[in-house]
N, C-alpha and C. Protein backbone atom coordinates (compact mmCIF):
# COMPACT_ATOMS: atom_id res chain seq x y z
N MET A 1 5.37 8.97 17.47
CA MET A 1 4.29 10.22 17.29
C MET A 1 3.43 9.73 16.28
N LYS A 2 2.13 9.86 16.62
CA LYS A 2 1.06 9.47 15.59
C LYS A 2 0.60 10.77 14.82
N THR A 3 0.57 10.63 13.51
CA THR A 3 0.13 11.73 12.72
C THR A 3 -1.36 11.72 12.57
N THR A 4 -1.96 12.93 12.73
CA THR A 4 -3.38 13.04 12.55
C THR A 4 -3.63 13.84 11.25
N TYR A 5 -4.66 13.49 10.55
CA TYR A 5 -4.98 14.24 9.37
C TYR A 5 -6.27 15.02 9.55
N LYS A 6 -6.11 16.35 9.43
CA LYS A 6 -7.26 17.20 9.58
C LYS A 6 -8.12 17.23 8.28
N GLU A 7 -7.33 17.19 7.25
CA GLU A 7 -7.96 17.37 5.90
C GLU A 7 -7.64 16.02 5.18
N ARG A 8 -8.54 15.54 4.31
CA ARG A 8 -8.30 14.40 3.49
C ARG A 8 -8.68 14.86 2.04
N VAL A 9 -7.99 14.14 1.06
CA VAL A 9 -8.27 14.23 -0.34
C VAL A 9 -8.62 12.92 -0.86
N GLN A 10 -9.64 12.74 -1.66
CA GLN A 10 -9.89 11.44 -2.27
C GLN A 10 -9.69 11.59 -3.80
N LYS A 11 -8.85 10.74 -4.29
CA LYS A 11 -8.54 10.68 -5.55
C LYS A 11 -8.93 9.42 -6.30
N VAL A 12 -9.24 9.40 -7.52
CA VAL A 12 -9.49 8.10 -8.33
C VAL A 12 -8.30 7.95 -9.14
N VAL A 13 -7.61 6.76 -9.04
CA VAL A 13 -6.44 6.50 -9.85
C VAL A 13 -6.70 5.21 -10.59
N SER A 14 -6.34 5.30 -11.98
CA SER A 14 -6.44 4.10 -12.77
C SER A 14 -5.22 3.36 -12.99
N PHE A 15 -5.20 2.00 -12.73
CA PHE A 15 -4.04 1.11 -12.96
C PHE A 15 -4.33 0.21 -14.04
N PRO A 16 -3.27 -0.18 -14.74
CA PRO A 16 -3.42 -1.36 -15.61
C PRO A 16 -3.69 -2.58 -14.87
N VAL A 17 -4.58 -3.49 -15.34
CA VAL A 17 -5.05 -4.57 -14.60
C VAL A 17 -3.85 -5.43 -13.99
N THR A 18 -2.88 -5.61 -14.78
CA THR A 18 -1.82 -6.50 -14.38
C THR A 18 -1.02 -5.75 -13.13
N LEU A 19 -0.88 -4.53 -13.28
CA LEU A 19 -0.18 -3.78 -12.21
C LEU A 19 -0.91 -3.90 -10.91
N TYR A 20 -2.28 -3.65 -11.06
CA TYR A 20 -3.23 -3.70 -9.94
C TYR A 20 -3.16 -5.14 -9.31
N GLN A 21 -3.26 -6.15 -10.12
CA GLN A 21 -3.22 -7.50 -9.54
C GLN A 21 -1.91 -7.76 -8.76
N LEU A 22 -0.78 -7.41 -9.34
CA LEU A 22 0.48 -7.61 -8.68
C LEU A 22 0.60 -6.81 -7.26
N ALA A 23 0.13 -5.54 -7.41
CA ALA A 23 0.19 -4.73 -6.23
C ALA A 23 -0.82 -5.31 -5.12
N ASN A 24 -1.96 -5.68 -5.58
CA ASN A 24 -2.90 -6.20 -4.68
C ASN A 24 -2.51 -7.49 -3.97
N ASN A 25 -1.86 -8.30 -4.81
CA ASN A 25 -1.32 -9.60 -4.29
C ASN A 25 -0.29 -9.31 -3.21
N LYS A 26 0.69 -8.24 -3.46
CA LYS A 26 1.69 -7.83 -2.57
C LYS A 26 0.94 -7.42 -1.26
N ALA A 27 0.09 -6.46 -1.44
CA ALA A 27 -0.62 -5.96 -0.23
C ALA A 27 -1.24 -7.02 0.65
N GLN A 28 -1.90 -8.09 0.03
CA GLN A 28 -2.42 -9.20 0.74
C GLN A 28 -1.42 -9.93 1.41
N ASN A 29 -0.18 -10.19 0.76
CA ASN A 29 0.90 -10.86 1.41
C ASN A 29 1.34 -10.13 2.66
N LEU A 30 1.26 -8.80 2.65
CA LEU A 30 1.65 -8.04 3.77
C LEU A 30 0.56 -7.82 4.80
N GLY A 31 -0.62 -8.39 4.48
CA GLY A 31 -1.80 -8.26 5.38
C GLY A 31 -2.41 -6.84 5.30
N LEU A 32 -2.28 -6.21 4.14
CA LEU A 32 -2.83 -4.75 4.00
C LEU A 32 -3.96 -4.81 2.93
N SER A 33 -4.79 -3.83 2.90
CA SER A 33 -5.68 -3.62 1.86
C SER A 33 -4.89 -3.00 0.74
N PHE A 34 -5.38 -2.92 -0.46
CA PHE A 34 -4.78 -2.33 -1.58
C PHE A 34 -4.35 -0.77 -1.19
N GLY A 35 -5.48 -0.15 -0.73
CA GLY A 35 -5.36 1.21 -0.37
C GLY A 35 -4.31 1.43 0.77
N GLU A 36 -4.34 0.67 1.62
CA GLU A 36 -3.30 0.77 2.76
C GLU A 36 -1.85 0.55 2.22
N TYR A 37 -1.68 -0.33 1.30
CA TYR A 37 -0.43 -0.64 0.60
C TYR A 37 0.01 0.60 -0.24
N ILE A 38 -0.95 1.20 -0.97
CA ILE A 38 -0.51 2.26 -1.70
C ILE A 38 -0.10 3.54 -0.83
N LYS A 39 -0.84 3.74 0.20
CA LYS A 39 -0.47 4.72 1.16
C LYS A 39 0.88 4.44 1.75
N PHE A 40 1.13 3.31 2.09
CA PHE A 40 2.41 2.89 2.69
C PHE A 40 3.52 3.16 1.69
N LEU A 41 3.26 2.80 0.41
CA LEU A 41 4.37 3.14 -0.70
C LEU A 41 4.64 4.63 -0.74
N LEU A 42 3.55 5.46 -0.77
CA LEU A 42 3.71 6.79 -0.85
C LEU A 42 4.48 7.44 0.35
N VAL A 43 4.07 6.99 1.53
CA VAL A 43 4.79 7.48 2.71
C VAL A 43 6.31 7.29 2.72
N SER A 44 6.48 5.94 2.35
CA SER A 44 7.82 5.46 2.31
C SER A 44 8.65 6.28 1.30
N ASP A 45 8.12 6.55 0.16
CA ASP A 45 8.80 7.29 -0.91
C ASP A 45 9.04 8.69 -0.45
N VAL A 46 8.09 9.32 0.13
CA VAL A 46 8.34 10.66 0.74
C VAL A 46 9.34 10.76 1.68
N LYS A 47 9.40 9.78 2.65
CA LYS A 47 10.34 9.71 3.75
C LYS A 47 11.79 9.64 3.14
N LYS A 48 11.90 8.80 2.15
CA LYS A 48 13.25 8.61 1.57
C LYS A 48 13.80 9.82 0.75
N SER A 49 12.96 10.77 0.45
CA SER A 49 13.46 11.90 -0.31
C SER A 49 14.46 12.60 0.44
N LYS A 50 15.63 12.83 -0.22
CA LYS A 50 16.69 13.51 0.45
C LYS A 50 16.63 15.00 0.21
N LYS A 51 15.86 15.48 -0.77
CA LYS A 51 15.66 16.98 -1.04
C LYS A 51 14.29 17.33 -0.62
N PRO A 52 14.10 18.45 -0.17
CA PRO A 52 12.69 18.98 0.24
C PRO A 52 11.76 18.84 -0.94
N ILE A 53 10.60 18.45 -0.66
CA ILE A 53 9.47 18.45 -1.66
C ILE A 53 8.98 19.87 -1.91
N LEU A 54 8.81 20.28 -3.10
CA LEU A 54 8.24 21.59 -3.22
C LEU A 54 6.91 21.79 -2.58
N PRO A 55 6.71 22.95 -1.94
CA PRO A 55 5.46 23.15 -1.16
C PRO A 55 4.36 23.57 -2.13
N VAL A 56 3.14 23.37 -1.62
CA VAL A 56 1.95 23.78 -2.36
C VAL A 56 0.91 24.32 -1.29
N GLY A 57 -0.04 25.07 -1.81
CA GLY A 57 -1.08 25.62 -0.87
C GLY A 57 -0.60 26.47 0.16
N ARG A 58 -1.00 26.18 1.39
CA ARG A 58 -0.67 27.08 2.50
C ARG A 58 0.87 27.19 2.73
N GLN A 59 1.65 26.20 2.42
CA GLN A 59 3.02 26.22 2.53
C GLN A 59 3.63 27.33 1.69
N VAL A 60 3.05 27.62 0.49
CA VAL A 60 3.55 28.62 -0.39
C VAL A 60 3.42 29.97 0.29
N SER A 61 2.32 30.25 0.85
CA SER A 61 2.11 31.52 1.48
C SER A 61 3.17 31.63 2.73
N ARG A 62 3.51 30.54 3.47
CA ARG A 62 4.43 30.64 4.54
C ARG A 62 5.78 30.98 3.92
N LEU A 63 6.18 30.45 2.79
CA LEU A 63 7.43 30.63 2.19
C LEU A 63 7.44 32.08 1.58
N GLU A 64 6.26 32.58 1.07
CA GLU A 64 6.23 33.97 0.67
C GLU A 64 6.52 34.88 1.72
N LYS A 65 6.07 34.52 2.98
CA LYS A 65 6.24 35.41 4.18
C LYS A 65 7.73 35.45 4.54
N ILE A 66 8.29 34.20 4.47
CA ILE A 66 9.80 34.10 4.84
C ILE A 66 10.54 34.78 3.77
N THR A 67 10.21 34.75 2.50
CA THR A 67 10.88 35.54 1.44
C THR A 67 10.79 37.06 1.69
N LYS A 68 9.70 37.49 2.02
CA LYS A 68 9.59 38.94 2.23
C LYS A 68 10.40 39.38 3.46
N GLU A 69 10.46 38.56 4.51
CA GLU A 69 11.30 38.85 5.67
C GLU A 69 12.74 38.85 5.24
N ALA A 70 13.01 37.95 4.42
CA ALA A 70 14.62 37.93 3.93
C ALA A 70 14.94 39.09 3.16
N LEU A 71 13.95 39.45 2.33
CA LEU A 71 14.11 40.69 1.52
C LEU A 71 14.51 41.87 2.38
N GLU A 72 13.61 41.97 3.46
CA GLU A 72 13.84 43.17 4.53
C GLU A 72 15.15 43.04 5.21
N GLU A 73 15.46 41.77 5.60
CA GLU A 73 16.78 41.62 6.21
C GLU A 73 17.88 41.97 5.28
N SER A 74 17.76 41.67 4.02
CA SER A 74 18.74 42.03 2.99
C SER A 74 18.89 43.57 2.93
N LYS A 75 17.75 44.24 2.95
CA LYS A 75 17.79 45.73 2.88
C LYS A 75 18.51 46.35 4.03
N ARG A 76 18.31 45.68 5.19
CA ARG A 76 18.96 46.09 6.51
C ARG A 76 20.44 45.64 6.55
N GLY A 77 20.89 45.01 5.54
CA GLY A 77 22.29 44.47 5.47
C GLY A 77 22.46 43.25 6.32
N GLU A 78 21.43 42.63 6.66
CA GLU A 78 21.53 41.35 7.51
C GLU A 78 21.50 40.14 6.58
N VAL A 79 22.55 39.93 5.80
CA VAL A 79 22.44 38.77 4.88
C VAL A 79 23.67 37.84 5.04
N GLU A 80 23.49 36.57 4.79
CA GLU A 80 24.60 35.56 4.91
C GLU A 80 25.02 35.36 3.38
N ILE A 81 26.36 35.29 3.22
CA ILE A 81 26.80 35.06 1.95
C ILE A 81 26.80 33.52 1.80
N ILE A 82 26.20 33.08 0.71
CA ILE A 82 26.14 31.76 0.28
C ILE A 82 27.10 31.55 -0.89
N ASP A 83 28.16 30.94 -0.64
CA ASP A 83 29.14 30.99 -1.74
C ASP A 83 29.63 29.44 -2.12
N THR A 84 28.86 28.45 -1.44
CA THR A 84 29.24 27.12 -1.90
C THR A 84 28.00 26.21 -2.01
N PRO A 85 27.93 25.24 -2.81
CA PRO A 85 26.69 24.53 -2.83
C PRO A 85 26.24 23.82 -1.49
N ALA A 86 27.12 23.58 -0.61
CA ALA A 86 26.74 23.08 0.67
C ALA A 86 26.08 24.17 1.58
N LYS A 87 26.48 25.34 1.47
CA LYS A 87 25.77 26.45 2.16
C LYS A 87 24.40 26.69 1.61
N LEU A 88 24.32 26.61 0.24
CA LEU A 88 23.12 26.78 -0.45
C LEU A 88 22.00 25.59 0.05
N GLU A 89 22.56 24.39 0.09
CA GLU A 89 21.67 23.30 0.55
C GLU A 89 21.25 23.52 1.99
N THR A 90 22.16 23.93 2.74
CA THR A 90 21.81 24.18 4.22
C THR A 90 20.83 25.27 4.35
N SER A 91 20.92 26.29 3.55
CA SER A 91 20.02 27.55 3.65
C SER A 91 18.61 27.07 3.15
N PHE A 92 18.54 26.29 2.06
CA PHE A 92 17.21 25.76 1.68
C PHE A 92 16.64 24.90 2.65
N GLU A 93 17.43 23.91 3.33
CA GLU A 93 16.85 23.17 4.37
C GLU A 93 16.40 23.84 5.62
N GLN A 94 17.02 24.99 5.86
CA GLN A 94 16.58 25.78 6.99
C GLN A 94 15.24 26.59 6.73
N MET A 95 15.15 27.03 5.43
CA MET A 95 13.98 27.73 5.06
C MET A 95 12.79 26.74 5.03
N TRP A 96 13.07 25.52 4.57
CA TRP A 96 12.09 24.48 4.62
C TRP A 96 11.46 24.22 5.93
N LYS A 97 12.41 23.97 6.95
CA LYS A 97 11.99 23.78 8.31
C LYS A 97 11.29 24.82 8.90
N GLU A 98 11.63 26.11 8.52
CA GLU A 98 10.95 27.30 9.08
C GLU A 98 9.50 27.44 8.44
N ALA A 99 9.28 26.97 7.27
CA ALA A 99 8.10 27.03 6.47
C ALA A 99 7.05 25.98 7.02
N GLN A 100 7.57 25.07 7.73
CA GLN A 100 6.54 23.92 8.14
C GLN A 100 5.88 24.24 9.43
């Protein structure tokens, strides 16, 4: 599945000369530009994350909506008791999936 980006952000990042040279050499060895290599590293790091990454922007408003719905469910007595760390982790993972 190919990911398409509707919005882009451009940032200027400063690197120590030695780090830039090492990373640029690595990128060239892989047949990538420096920018492509940095993007590759970021995507790889995010994919390896075992815990959800905290949301920002529009994702926050989706989580706010889910939270309000959960509060309403709680008021109606529709609550799930989360009494173990595993249940808590599962609950957060489910909320994260619903927010995306």
